[in-house]
Amino acid sequence: MDKKRFLICLAGGLIAGLVCAYGGNDKVAEDVRTMVFISVVLNRAFIGFVIGISAWKMHWALHGSLIGVLGTLPMSVPLIVTPEAGPNAFLIFTIAGLVWGVLIEVTASVVFKAKMAGV
């Protein structure tokens, strides 16, 4: 594992989490707002963490999008059956996970040229 890549991806995940959490915080019921805020930040940080430690041998764009979607699904699937959220929230949150996964990969692989381990 490349320490530089790991730290870049983890920082990118935390930044993505803060942006997502602040952006959607006003749409969440006030009694669960703090819990949802923390969950979103940790979910995006998890995506950055997994991208940082992963050594899947594939193009960086596919790598980021796959991990972004797969890492988001445990949090977005329950939105389908949540009356306050629904299918639209599921789609938006999942697509946002894909976009953030790609952006984290662009930052690590293209901007900072931090290659995956074993590639």
PDB file of N, CA and C in Angstrom:
ATOM      1  N   MET A   1       0.844  -1.177   0.000  1.00  0.00           N
ATOM      2  CA  MET A   1       0.000   0.000   0.000  1.00  0.00           C
ATOM      3  C   MET A   1       0.889   1.239   0.000  1.00  0.00           C
ATOM      4  N   ASP A   2       0.541   2.177  -0.843  1.00  0.00           N
ATOM      5  CA  ASP A   2       1.260   3.442  -0.934  1.00  0.00           C
ATOM      6  C   ASP A   2       0.662   4.415   0.083  1.00  0.00           C
ATOM      7  N   LYS A   3       1.480   4.850   1.043  1.00  0.00           N
ATOM      8  CA  LYS A   3       0.998   5.730   2.112  1.00  0.00           C
ATOM      9  C   LYS A   3       0.462   7.051   1.557  1.00  0.00           C
ATOM     10  N   LYS A   4       1.160   7.613   0.572  1.00  0.00           N
ATOM     11  CA  LYS A   4       0.731   8.876  -0.036  1.00  0.00           C
ATOM     12  C   LYS A   4      -0.664   8.718  -0.645  1.00  0.00           C
ATOM     13  N   ARG A   5      -0.861   7.649  -1.415  1.00  0.00           N
ATOM     14  CA  ARG A   5      -2.158   7.401  -2.045  1.00  0.00           C
ATOM     15  C   ARG A   5      -3.245   7.208  -0.991  1.00  0.00           C
ATOM     16  N   PHE A   6      -2.926   6.444   0.032  1.00  0.00           N
ATOM     17  CA  PHE A   6      -3.895   6.185   1.092  1.00  0.00           C
ATOM     18  C   PHE A   6      -4.351   7.485   1.753  1.00  0.00           C
ATOM     19  N   LEU A   7      -3.406   8.340   2.109  1.00  0.00           N
ATOM     20  CA  LEU A   7      -3.744   9.595   2.781  1.00  0.00           C
ATOM     21  C   LEU A   7      -4.524  10.541   1.867  1.00  0.00           C
ATOM     22  N   ILE A   8      -4.161  10.587   0.591  1.00  0.00           N
ATOM     23  CA  ILE A   8      -4.890  11.423  -0.372  1.00  0.00           C
ATOM     24  C   ILE A   8      -6.336  10.938  -0.498  1.00  0.00           C
ATOM     25  N   CYS A   9      -6.510   9.639  -0.638  1.00  0.00           N
ATOM     26  CA  CYS A   9      -7.857   9.077  -0.799  1.00  0.00           C
ATOM     27  C   CYS A   9      -8.694   9.256   0.466  1.00  0.00           C
ATOM     28  N   LEU A  10      -8.089   9.035   1.625  1.00  0.00           N
ATOM     29  CA  LEU A  10      -8.823   9.203   2.876  1.00  0.00           C
ATOM     30  C   LEU A  10      -9.240  10.660   3.067  1.00  0.00           C
ATOM     31  N   ALA A  11      -8.330  11.588   2.792  1.00  0.00           N
ATOM     32  CA  ALA A  11      -8.668  13.014   2.888  1.00  0.00           C
ATOM     33  C   ALA A  11      -9.763  13.374   1.886  1.00  0.00           C
ATOM     34  N   GLY A  12      -9.670  12.836   0.674  1.00  0.00           N
ATOM     35  CA  GLY A  12     -10.709  13.079  -0.332  1.00  0.00           C
ATOM     36  C   GLY A  12     -12.062  12.553   0.112  1.00  0.00           C
ATOM     37  N   GLY A  13     -12.068  11.386   0.742  1.00  0.00           N
ATOM     38  CA  GLY A  13     -13.316  10.825   1.255  1.00  0.00           C
ATOM     39  C   GLY A  13     -13.923  11.672   2.361  1.00  0.00           C
ATOM     40  N   LEU A  14     -13.074  12.172   3.255  1.00  0.00           N
ATOM     41  CA  LEU A  14     -13.571  13.037   4.329  1.00  0.00           C
ATOM     42  C   LEU A  14     -14.136  14.346   3.776  1.00  0.00           C
ATOM     43  N   ILE A  15     -13.440  14.927   2.816  1.00  0.00           N
ATOM     44  CA  ILE A  15     -13.932  16.158   2.184  1.00  0.00           C
ATOM     45  C   ILE A  15     -15.259  15.891   1.470  1.00  0.00           C
ATOM     46  N   ALA A  16     -15.326  14.780   0.740  1.00  0.00           N
ATOM     47  CA  ALA A  16     -16.571  14.417   0.056  1.00  0.00           C
ATOM     48  C   ALA A  16     -17.704  14.240   1.062  1.00  0.00           C
ATOM     49  N   GLY A  17     -17.398  13.608   2.183  1.00  0.00           N
ATOM     50  CA  GLY A  17     -18.409  13.408   3.218  1.00  0.00           C
ATOM     51  C   GLY A  17     -18.930  14.710   3.786  1.00  0.00           C
ATOM     52  N   LEU A  18     -18.020  15.634   4.049  1.00  0.00           N
ATOM     53  CA  LEU A  18     -18.440  16.933   4.589  1.00  0.00           C
ATOM     54  C   LEU A  18     -19.287  17.706   3.584  1.00  0.00           C
ATOM     55  N   VAL A  19     -18.887  17.672   2.320  1.00  0.00           N
ATOM     56  CA  VAL A  19     -19.661  18.367   1.284  1.00  0.00           C
ATOM     57  C   VAL A  19     -21.059  17.751   1.162  1.00  0.00           C
ATOM     58  N   CYS A  20     -21.128  16.424   1.103  1.00  0.00           N
ATOM     59  CA  CYS A  20     -22.429  15.746   0.986  1.00  0.00           C
ATOM     60  C   CYS A  20     -23.298  16.005   2.217  1.00  0.00           C
ATOM     61  N   ALA A  21     -22.698  15.889   3.389  1.00  0.00           N
ATOM     62  CA  ALA A  21     -23.465  16.040   4.623  1.00  0.00           C
ATOM     63  C   ALA A  21     -23.996  17.461   4.780  1.00  0.00           C
ATOM     64  N   TYR A  22     -23.160  18.451   4.515  1.00  0.00           N
ATOM     65  CA  TYR A  22     -23.631  19.838   4.605  1.00  0.00           C
ATOM     66  C   TYR A  22     -24.656  20.148   3.520  1.00  0.00           C
ATOM     67  N   GLY A  23     -24.457  19.605   2.342  1.00  0.00           N
ATOM     68  CA  GLY A  23     -25.369  19.871   1.233  1.00  0.00           C
ATOM     69  C   GLY A  23     -26.762  19.314   1.438  1.00  0.00           C
ATOM     70  N   GLY A  24     -26.871  18.177   2.085  1.00  0.00           N
ATOM     71  CA  GLY A  24     -28.174  17.552   2.273  1.00  0.00           C
ATOM     72  C   GLY A  24     -28.726  17.667   3.678  1.00  0.00           C
ATOM     73  N   ASN A  25     -28.020  18.362   4.553  1.00  0.00           N
ATOM     74  CA  ASN A  25     -28.400  18.417   5.963  1.00  0.00           C
ATOM     75  C   ASN A  25     -29.749  19.089   6.198  1.00  0.00           C
ATOM     76  N   ASP A  26     -30.111  20.054   5.392  1.00  0.00           N
ATOM     77  CA  ASP A  26     -31.382  20.756   5.594  1.00  0.00           C
ATOM     78  C   ASP A  26     -32.590  19.918   5.170  1.00  0.00           C
ATOM     79  N   LYS A  27     -32.352  18.828   4.439  1.00  0.00           N
ATOM     80  CA  LYS A  27     -33.445  17.976   3.971  1.00  0.00           C
ATOM     81  C   LYS A  27     -33.758  16.845   4.958  1.00  0.00           C
ATOM     82  N   VAL A  28     -33.008  16.789   6.058  1.00  0.00           N
ATOM     83  CA  VAL A  28     -33.138  15.703   7.027  1.00  0.00           C
ATOM     84  C   VAL A  28     -33.921  16.205   8.241  1.00  0.00           C
ATOM     85  N   ALA A  29     -34.765  15.333   8.786  1.00  0.00           N
ATOM     86  CA  ALA A  29     -35.523  15.695   9.987  1.00  0.00           C
ATOM     87  C   ALA A  29     -34.566  16.084  11.111  1.00  0.00           C
ATOM     88  N   GLU A  30     -34.943  17.098  11.861  1.00  0.00           N
ATOM     89  CA  GLU A  30     -34.039  17.664  12.861  1.00  0.00           C
ATOM     90  C   GLU A  30     -33.660  16.667  13.956  1.00  0.00           C
ATOM     91  N   ASP A  31     -34.543  15.754  14.308  1.00  0.00           N
ATOM     92  CA  ASP A  31     -34.248  14.821  15.397  1.00  0.00           C
ATOM     93  C   ASP A  31     -33.179  13.791  15.028  1.00  0.00           C
ATOM     94  N   VAL A  32     -32.930  13.569  13.749  1.00  0.00           N
ATOM     95  CA  VAL A  32     -31.895  12.607  13.330  1.00  0.00           C
ATOM     96  C   VAL A  32     -30.771  13.273  12.533  1.00  0.00           C
ATOM     97  N   ARG A  33     -30.767  14.580  12.490  1.00  0.00           N
ATOM     98  CA  ARG A  33     -29.820  15.322  11.650  1.00  0.00           C
ATOM     99  C   ARG A  33     -28.361  15.009  11.998  1.00  0.00           C
ATOM    100  N   THR A  34     -28.017  14.994  13.272  1.00  0.00           N
ATOM    101  CA  THR A  34     -26.629  14.730  13.673  1.00  0.00           C
ATOM    102  C   THR A  34     -26.214  13.318  13.287  1.00  0.00           C
ATOM    103  N   MET A  35     -27.092  12.352  13.523  1.00  0.00           N
ATOM    104  CA  MET A  35     -26.781  10.963  13.191  1.00  0.00           C
ATOM    105  C   MET A  35     -26.584  10.788  11.678  1.00  0.00           C
ATOM    106  N   VAL A  36     -27.436  11.394  10.891  1.00  0.00           N
ATOM    107  CA  VAL A  36     -27.315  11.300   9.432  1.00  0.00           C
ATOM    108  C   VAL A  36     -26.051  12.004   8.963  1.00  0.00           C
ATOM    109  N   PHE A  37     -25.754  13.162   9.538  1.00  0.00           N
ATOM    110  CA  PHE A  37     -24.548  13.908   9.177  1.00  0.00           C
ATOM    111  C   PHE A  37     -23.301  13.041   9.390  1.00  0.00           C
ATOM    112  N   ILE A  38     -23.192  12.436  10.570  1.00  0.00           N
ATOM    113  CA  ILE A  38     -22.032  11.588  10.884  1.00  0.00           C
ATOM    114  C   ILE A  38     -21.997  10.375   9.961  1.00  0.00           C
ATOM    115  N   SER A  39     -23.149   9.777   9.703  1.00  0.00           N
ATOM    116  CA  SER A  39     -23.209   8.596   8.829  1.00  0.00           C
ATOM    117  C   SER A  39     -22.734   8.911   7.417  1.00  0.00           C
ATOM    118  N   VAL A  40     -23.140  10.046   6.886  1.00  0.00           N
ATOM    119  CA  VAL A  40     -22.739  10.428   5.526  1.00  0.00           C
ATOM    120  C   VAL A  40     -21.238  10.694   5.469  1.00  0.00           C
ATOM    121  N   VAL A  41     -20.712  11.421   6.444  1.00  0.00           N
ATOM    122  CA  VAL A  41     -19.270  11.699   6.466  1.00  0.00           C
ATOM    123  C   VAL A  41     -18.485  10.395   6.549  1.00  0.00           C
ATOM    124  N   LEU A  42     -18.894   9.489   7.431  1.00  0.00           N
ATOM    125  CA  LEU A  42     -18.179   8.218   7.571  1.00  0.00           C
ATOM    126  C   LEU A  42     -18.327   7.334   6.336  1.00  0.00           C
ATOM    127  N   ASN A  43     -19.485   7.381   5.681  1.00  0.00           N
ATOM    128  CA  ASN A  43     -19.670   6.591   4.467  1.00  0.00           C
ATOM    129  C   ASN A  43     -18.717   7.036   3.368  1.00  0.00           C
ATOM    130  N   ARG A  44     -18.617   8.332   3.148  1.00  0.00           N
ATOM    131  CA  ARG A  44     -17.711   8.840   2.108  1.00  0.00           C
ATOM    132  C   ARG A  44     -16.253   8.629   2.505  1.00  0.00           C
ATOM    133  N   ALA A  45     -15.941   8.749   3.801  1.00  0.00           N
ATOM    134  CA  ALA A  45     -14.575   8.468   4.262  1.00  0.00           C
ATOM    135  C   ALA A  45     -14.243   6.991   4.036  1.00  0.00           C
ATOM    136  N   PHE A  46     -15.236   6.117   4.232  1.00  0.00           N
ATOM    137  CA  PHE A  46     -15.051   4.690   3.968  1.00  0.00           C
ATOM    138  C   PHE A  46     -14.718   4.449   2.496  1.00  0.00           C
ATOM    139  N   ILE A  47     -15.412   5.141   1.610  1.00  0.00           N
ATOM    140  CA  ILE A  47     -15.132   5.011   0.177  1.00  0.00           C
ATOM    141  C   ILE A  47     -13.693   5.431  -0.112  1.00  0.00           C
ATOM    142  N   GLY A  48     -13.268   6.560   0.439  1.00  0.00           N
ATOM    143  CA  GLY A  48     -11.888   7.003   0.260  1.00  0.00           C
ATOM    144  C   GLY A  48     -10.893   6.006   0.826  1.00  0.00           C
ATOM    145  N   PHE A  49     -11.204   5.442   1.989  1.00  0.00           N
ATOM    146  CA  PHE A  49     -10.346   4.437   2.617  1.00  0.00           C
ATOM    147  C   PHE A  49     -10.186   3.217   1.716  1.00  0.00           C
ATOM    148  N   VAL A  50     -11.303   2.705   1.208  1.00  0.00           N
ATOM    149  CA  VAL A  50     -11.256   1.504   0.364  1.00  0.00           C
ATOM    150  C   VAL A  50     -10.510   1.781  -0.940  1.00  0.00           C
ATOM    151  N   ILE A  51     -10.751   2.932  -1.545  1.00  0.00           N
ATOM    152  CA  ILE A  51     -10.012   3.283  -2.762  1.00  0.00           C
ATOM    153  C   ILE A  51      -8.521   3.350  -2.452  1.00  0.00           C
ATOM    154  N   GLY A  52      -8.175   3.907  -1.298  1.00  0.00           N
ATOM    155  CA  GLY A  52      -6.773   4.049  -0.924  1.00  0.00           C
ATOM    156  C   GLY A  52      -6.052   2.736  -0.684  1.00  0.00           C
ATOM    157  N   ILE A  53      -6.753   1.725  -0.174  1.00  0.00           N
ATOM    158  CA  ILE A  53      -6.088   0.448   0.113  1.00  0.00           C
ATOM    159  C   ILE A  53      -6.258  -0.580  -0.997  1.00  0.00           C
ATOM    160  N   SER A  54      -7.177  -0.341  -1.912  1.00  0.00           N
ATOM    161  CA  SER A  54      -7.474  -1.315  -2.960  1.00  0.00           C
ATOM    162  C   SER A  54      -6.349  -1.406  -3.990  1.00  0.00           C
ATOM    163  N   ALA A  55      -6.157  -2.608  -4.487  1.00  0.00           N
ATOM    164  CA  ALA A  55      -5.173  -2.832  -5.547  1.00  0.00           C
ATOM    165  C   ALA A  55      -5.810  -3.578  -6.720  1.00  0.00           C
ATOM    166  N   TRP A  56      -7.119  -3.391  -6.927  1.00  0.00           N
ATOM    167  CA  TRP A  56      -7.769  -3.983  -8.090  1.00  0.00           C
ATOM    168  C   TRP A  56      -7.074  -3.481  -9.338  1.00  0.00           C
ATOM    169  N   LYS A  57      -6.772  -4.370 -10.229  1.00  0.00           N
ATOM    170  CA  LYS A  57      -6.071  -3.989 -11.457  1.00  0.00           C
ATOM    171  C   LYS A  57      -7.085  -3.641 -12.536  1.00  0.00           C
ATOM    172  N   MET A  58      -7.421  -2.362 -12.595  1.00  0.00           N
ATOM    173  CA  MET A  58      -8.351  -1.856 -13.600  1.00  0.00           C
ATOM    174  C   MET A  58      -8.093  -0.367 -13.774  1.00  0.00           C
ATOM    175  N   HIS A  59      -8.688   0.210 -14.802  1.00  0.00           N
ATOM    176  CA  HIS A  59      -8.538   1.642 -15.064  1.00  0.00           C
ATOM    177  C   HIS A  59      -9.043   2.428 -13.856  1.00  0.00           C
ATOM    178  N   TRP A  60      -8.380   3.545 -13.559  1.00  0.00           N
ATOM    179  CA  TRP A  60      -8.715   4.317 -12.364  1.00  0.00           C
ATOM    180  C   TRP A  60     -10.172   4.788 -12.345  1.00  0.00           C
ATOM    181  N   ALA A  61     -10.740   5.128 -13.509  1.00  0.00           N
ATOM    182  CA  ALA A  61     -12.125   5.621 -13.545  1.00  0.00           C
ATOM    183  C   ALA A  61     -13.111   4.512 -13.169  1.00  0.00           C
ATOM    184  N   LEU A  62     -12.880   3.320 -13.686  1.00  0.00           N
ATOM    185  CA  LEU A  62     -13.731   2.183 -13.340  1.00  0.00           C
ATOM    186  C   LEU A  62     -13.547   1.815 -11.872  1.00  0.00           C
ATOM    187  N   HIS A  63     -12.308   1.852 -11.413  1.00  0.00           N
ATOM    188  CA  HIS A  63     -11.980   1.543 -10.021  1.00  0.00           C
ATOM    189  C   HIS A  63     -12.735   2.473  -9.072  1.00  0.00           C
ATOM    190  N   GLY A  64     -12.650   3.772  -9.313  1.00  0.00           N
ATOM    191  CA  GLY A  64     -13.319   4.744  -8.453  1.00  0.00           C
ATOM    192  C   GLY A  64     -14.828   4.638  -8.500  1.00  0.00           C
ATOM    193  N   SER A  65     -15.372   4.438  -9.701  1.00  0.00           N
ATOM    194  CA  SER A  65     -16.830   4.363  -9.812  1.00  0.00           C
ATOM    195  C   SER A  65     -17.377   3.096  -9.158  1.00  0.00           C
ATOM    196  N   LEU A  66     -16.703   1.967  -9.346  1.00  0.00           N
ATOM    197  CA  LEU A  66     -17.162   0.720  -8.718  1.00  0.00           C
ATOM    198  C   LEU A  66     -17.126   0.806  -7.201  1.00  0.00           C
ATOM    199  N   ILE A  67     -16.011   1.257  -6.660  1.00  0.00           N
ATOM    200  CA  ILE A  67     -15.906   1.350  -5.203  1.00  0.00           C
ATOM    201  C   ILE A  67     -16.870   2.412  -4.673  1.00  0.00           C
ATOM    202  N   GLY A  68     -17.043   3.495  -5.411  1.00  0.00           N
ATOM    203  CA  GLY A  68     -17.995   4.522  -4.997  1.00  0.00           C
ATOM    204  C   GLY A  68     -19.412   3.988  -4.893  1.00  0.00           C
ATOM    205  N   VAL A  69     -19.844   3.235  -5.896  1.00  0.00           N
ATOM    206  CA  VAL A  69     -21.199   2.672  -5.878  1.00  0.00           C
ATOM    207  C   VAL A  69     -21.314   1.580  -4.822  1.00  0.00           C
ATOM    208  N   LEU A  70     -20.374   0.641  -4.811  1.00  0.00           N
ATOM    209  CA  LEU A  70     -20.442  -0.462  -3.848  1.00  0.00           C
ATOM    210  C   LEU A  70     -20.359   0.032  -2.408  1.00  0.00           C
ATOM    211  N   GLY A  71     -19.549   1.046  -2.167  1.00  0.00           N
ATOM    212  CA  GLY A  71     -19.430   1.594  -0.821  1.00  0.00           C
ATOM    213  C   GLY A  71     -20.647   2.387  -0.388  1.00  0.00           C
ATOM    214  N   THR A  72     -21.393   2.910  -1.336  1.00  0.00           N
ATOM    215  CA  THR A  72     -22.578   3.713  -1.033  1.00  0.00           C
ATOM    216  C   THR A  72     -23.824   2.857  -0.817  1.00  0.00           C
ATOM    217  N   LEU A  73     -23.904   1.716  -1.474  1.00  0.00           N
ATOM    218  CA  LEU A  73     -25.128   0.905  -1.426  1.00  0.00           C
ATOM    219  C   LEU A  73     -25.623   0.565  -0.018  1.00  0.00           C
ATOM    220  N   PRO A  74     -24.761   0.185   0.937  1.00  0.00           N
ATOM    221  CA  PRO A  74     -25.297  -0.130   2.272  1.00  0.00           C
ATOM    222  C   PRO A  74     -26.036   1.042   2.923  1.00  0.00           C
ATOM    223  N   MET A  75     -25.692   2.249   2.551  1.00  0.00           N
ATOM    224  CA  MET A  75     -26.376   3.400   3.123  1.00  0.00           C
ATOM    225  C   MET A  75     -27.534   3.887   2.246  1.00  0.00           C
ATOM    226  N   SER A  76     -27.445   3.660   0.939  1.00  0.00           N
ATOM    227  CA  SER A  76     -28.483   4.190   0.052  1.00  0.00           C
ATOM    228  C   SER A  76     -29.668   3.244  -0.137  1.00  0.00           C
ATOM    229  N   VAL A  77     -29.461   1.945  -0.073  1.00  0.00           N
ATOM    230  CA  VAL A  77     -30.567   0.999  -0.286  1.00  0.00           C
ATOM    231  C   VAL A  77     -31.707   1.208   0.722  1.00  0.00           C
ATOM    232  N   PRO A  78     -31.423   1.404   2.017  1.00  0.00           N
ATOM    233  CA  PRO A  78     -32.541   1.647   2.945  1.00  0.00           C
ATOM    234  C   PRO A  78     -33.359   2.901   2.625  1.00  0.00           C
ATOM    235  N   LEU A  79     -32.801   3.822   1.861  1.00  0.00           N
ATOM    236  CA  LEU A  79     -33.548   5.030   1.497  1.00  0.00           C
ATOM    237  C   LEU A  79     -34.767   4.713   0.632  1.00  0.00           C
ATOM    238  N   ILE A  80     -34.716   3.589  -0.089  1.00  0.00           N
ATOM    239  CA  ILE A  80     -35.834   3.215  -0.967  1.00  0.00           C
ATOM    240  C   ILE A  80     -37.120   3.052  -0.165  1.00  0.00           C
ATOM    241  N   VAL A  81     -37.019   2.447   1.015  1.00  0.00           N
ATOM    242  CA  VAL A  81     -38.213   2.158   1.811  1.00  0.00           C
ATOM    243  C   VAL A  81     -38.460   3.187   2.912  1.00  0.00           C
ATOM    244  N   THR A  82     -37.644   4.216   2.968  1.00  0.00           N
ATOM    245  CA  THR A  82     -37.848   5.273   3.960  1.00  0.00           C
ATOM    246  C   THR A  82     -38.872   6.259   3.406  1.00  0.00           C
ATOM    247  N   PRO A  83     -40.012   6.412   4.085  1.00  0.00           N
ATOM    248  CA  PRO A  83     -41.073   7.277   3.547  1.00  0.00           C
ATOM    249  C   PRO A  83     -40.621   8.712   3.271  1.00  0.00           C
ATOM    250  N   GLU A  84     -39.752   9.240   4.107  1.00  0.00           N
ATOM    251  CA  GLU A  84     -39.303  10.625   3.924  1.00  0.00           C
ATOM    252  C   GLU A  84     -38.333  10.772   2.756  1.00  0.00           C
ATOM    253  N   ALA A  85     -37.716   9.681   2.328  1.00  0.00           N
ATOM    254  CA  ALA A  85     -36.688   9.753   1.280  1.00  0.00           C
ATOM    255  C   ALA A  85     -37.215   9.205  -0.043  1.00  0.00           C
ATOM    256  N   GLY A  86     -37.318   7.885  -0.152  1.00  0.00           N
ATOM    257  CA  GLY A  86     -37.852   7.267  -1.355  1.00  0.00           C
ATOM    258  C   GLY A  86     -36.813   6.971  -2.420  1.00  0.00           C
ATOM    259  N   PRO A  87     -37.276   6.469  -3.571  1.00  0.00           N
ATOM    260  CA  PRO A  87     -36.378   6.056  -4.649  1.00  0.00           C
ATOM    261  C   PRO A  87     -35.512   7.182  -5.211  1.00  0.00           C
ATOM    262  N   ASN A  88     -36.033   8.395  -5.243  1.00  0.00           N
ATOM    263  CA  ASN A  88     -35.222   9.503  -5.767  1.00  0.00           C
ATOM    264  C   ASN A  88     -33.993   9.750  -4.908  1.00  0.00           C
ATOM    265  N   ALA A  89     -34.161   9.697  -3.591  1.00  0.00           N
ATOM    266  CA  ALA A  89     -33.024   9.881  -2.685  1.00  0.00           C
ATOM    267  C   ALA A  89     -32.011   8.751  -2.877  1.00  0.00           C
ATOM    268  N   PHE A  90     -32.516   7.532  -3.089  1.00  0.00           N
ATOM    269  CA  PHE A  90     -31.625   6.399  -3.356  1.00  0.00           C
ATOM    270  C   PHE A  90     -30.768   6.667  -4.588  1.00  0.00           C
ATOM    271  N   LEU A  91     -31.407   7.081  -5.675  1.00  0.00           N
ATOM    272  CA  LEU A  91     -30.673   7.343  -6.921  1.00  0.00           C
ATOM    273  C   LEU A  91     -29.666   8.481  -6.766  1.00  0.00           C
ATOM    274  N   ILE A  92     -30.087   9.561  -6.153  1.00  0.00           N
ATOM    275  CA  ILE A  92     -29.195  10.711  -5.991  1.00  0.00           C
ATOM    276  C   ILE A  92     -27.994  10.343  -5.132  1.00  0.00           C
ATOM    277  N   PHE A  93     -28.231   9.664  -4.015  1.00  0.00           N
ATOM    278  CA  PHE A  93     -27.136   9.310  -3.110  1.00  0.00           C
ATOM    279  C   PHE A  93     -26.181   8.311  -3.761  1.00  0.00           C
ATOM    280  N   THR A  94     -26.727   7.342  -4.501  1.00  0.00           N
ATOM    281  CA  THR A  94     -25.884   6.343  -5.162  1.00  0.00           C
ATOM    282  C   THR A  94     -25.066   6.974  -6.287  1.00  0.00           C
ATOM    283  N   ILE A  95     -25.681   7.816  -7.083  1.00  0.00           N
ATOM    284  CA  ILE A  95     -24.946   8.500  -8.156  1.00  0.00           C
ATOM    285  C   ILE A  95     -23.878   9.412  -7.565  1.00  0.00           C
ATOM    286  N   ALA A  96     -24.200  10.068  -6.456  1.00  0.00           N
ATOM    287  CA  ALA A  96     -23.198  10.907  -5.788  1.00  0.00           C
ATOM    288  C   ALA A  96     -22.012  10.058  -5.325  1.00  0.00           C
ATOM    289  N   GLY A  97     -22.272   8.846  -4.853  1.00  0.00           N
ATOM    290  CA  GLY A  97     -21.185   7.944  -4.458  1.00  0.00           C
ATOM    291  C   GLY A  97     -20.296   7.599  -5.636  1.00  0.00           C
ATOM    292  N   LEU A  98     -20.909   7.345  -6.774  1.00  0.00           N
ATOM    293  CA  LEU A  98     -20.148   7.069  -7.998  1.00  0.00           C
ATOM    294  C   LEU A  98     -19.279   8.273  -8.366  1.00  0.00           C
ATOM    295  N   VAL A  99     -19.874   9.451  -8.359  1.00  0.00           N
ATOM    296  CA  VAL A  99     -19.138  10.670  -8.730  1.00  0.00           C
ATOM    297  C   VAL A  99     -17.995  10.927  -7.758  1.00  0.00           C
ATOM    298  N   TRP A 100     -18.264  10.815  -6.465  1.00  0.00           N
ATOM    299  CA  TRP A 100     -17.199  11.048  -5.484  1.00  0.00           C
ATOM    300  C   TRP A 100     -16.092  10.007  -5.607  1.00  0.00           C
ATOM    301  N   GLY A 101     -16.452   8.752  -5.881  1.00  0.00           N
ATOM    302  CA  GLY A 101     -15.427   7.728  -6.081  1.00  0.00           C
ATOM    303  C   GLY A 101     -14.503   8.076  -7.236  1.00  0.00           C
ATOM    304  N   VAL A 102     -15.082   8.541  -8.334  1.00  0.00           N
ATOM    305  CA  VAL A 102     -14.269   8.944  -9.491  1.00  0.00           C
ATOM    306  C   VAL A 102     -13.427  10.171  -9.153  1.00  0.00           C
ATOM    307  N   LEU A 103     -14.010  11.147  -8.465  1.00  0.00           N
ATOM    308  CA  LEU A 103     -13.247  12.351  -8.106  1.00  0.00           C
ATOM    309  C   LEU A 103     -12.085  12.038  -7.166  1.00  0.00           C
ATOM    310  N   ILE A 104     -12.298  11.127  -6.232  1.00  0.00           N
ATOM    311  CA  ILE A 104     -11.210  10.717  -5.335  1.00  0.00           C
ATOM    312  C   ILE A 104     -10.106  10.052  -6.145  1.00  0.00           C
ATOM    313  N   GLU A 105     -10.489   9.188  -7.086  1.00  0.00           N
ATOM    314  CA  GLU A 105      -9.500   8.519  -7.942  1.00  0.00           C
ATOM    315  C   GLU A 105      -8.770   9.510  -8.842  1.00  0.00           C
ATOM    316  N   VAL A 106      -9.481  10.465  -9.410  1.00  0.00           N
ATOM    317  CA  VAL A 106      -8.838  11.482 -10.252  1.00  0.00           C
ATOM    318  C   VAL A 106      -7.791  12.225  -9.435  1.00  0.00           C
ATOM    319  N   THR A 107      -8.164  12.609  -8.232  1.00  0.00           N
ATOM    320  CA  THR A 107      -7.240  13.339  -7.373  1.00  0.00           C
ATOM    321  C   THR A 107      -6.000  12.507  -7.071  1.00  0.00           C
ATOM    322  N   ALA A 108      -6.198  11.248  -6.698  1.00  0.00           N
ATOM    323  CA  ALA A 108      -5.062  10.402  -6.325  1.00  0.00           C
ATOM    324  C   ALA A 108      -4.246   9.967  -7.538  1.00  0.00           C
ATOM    325  N   SER A 109      -4.905   9.441  -8.561  1.00  0.00           N
ATOM    326  CA  SER A 109      -4.196   8.825  -9.687  1.00  0.00           C
ATOM    327  C   SER A 109      -3.698   9.810 -10.729  1.00  0.00           C
ATOM    328  N   VAL A 110      -4.480  10.839 -11.014  1.00  0.00           N
ATOM    329  CA  VAL A 110      -4.131  11.765 -12.092  1.00  0.00           C
ATOM    330  C   VAL A 110      -3.416  13.002 -11.553  1.00  0.00           C
ATOM    331  N   VAL A 111      -4.023  13.659 -10.571  1.00  0.00           N
ATOM    332  CA  VAL A 111      -3.442  14.904 -10.059  1.00  0.00           C
ATOM    333  C   VAL A 111      -2.148  14.640  -9.300  1.00  0.00           C
ATOM    334  N   PHE A 112      -2.192  13.708  -8.329  1.00  0.00           N
ATOM    335  CA  PHE A 112      -1.012  13.444  -7.502  1.00  0.00           C
ATOM    336  C   PHE A 112      -0.165  12.278  -8.005  1.00  0.00           C
ATOM    337  N   LYS A 113      -0.617  11.611  -9.059  1.00  0.00           N
ATOM    338  CA  LYS A 113       0.109  10.487  -9.667  1.00  0.00           C
ATOM    339  C   LYS A 113       0.503   9.413  -8.642  1.00  0.00           C
ATOM    340  N   ALA A 114      -0.397   9.144  -7.705  1.00  0.00           N
ATOM    341  CA  ALA A 114      -0.173   8.114  -6.693  1.00  0.00           C
ATOM    342  C   ALA A 114      -0.780   6.813  -7.214  1.00  0.00           C
ATOM    343  N   LYS A 115       0.056   5.913  -7.648  1.00  0.00           N
ATOM    344  CA  LYS A 115      -0.397   4.662  -8.261  1.00  0.00           C
ATOM    345  C   LYS A 115      -0.846   3.653  -7.212  1.00  0.00           C
ATOM    346  N   MET A 116      -1.742   2.760  -7.638  1.00  0.00           N
ATOM    347  CA  MET A 116      -2.188   1.677  -6.773  1.00  0.00           C
ATOM    348  C   MET A 116      -1.043   0.705  -6.539  1.00  0.00           C
ATOM    349  N   ALA A 117      -1.056   0.056  -5.384  1.00  0.00           N
ATOM    350  CA  ALA A 117      -0.040  -0.949  -5.081  1.00  0.00           C
ATOM    351  C   ALA A 117      -0.193  -2.119  -6.048  1.00  0.00           C
ATOM    352  N   GLY A 118       0.888  -2.613  -6.547  1.00  0.00           N
ATOM    353  CA  GLY A 118       0.868  -3.761  -7.431  1.00  0.00           C
ATOM    354  C   GLY A 118       0.539  -3.452  -8.877  1.00  0.00           C
ATOM    355  N   VAL A 119       0.349  -2.189  -9.216  1.00  0.00           N
ATOM    356  CA  VAL A 119       0.004  -1.829 -10.596  1.00  0.00           C
ATOM    357  C   VAL A 119       1.184  -1.170 -11.256  1.00  0.00           C
TER     358      VAL A 119
END
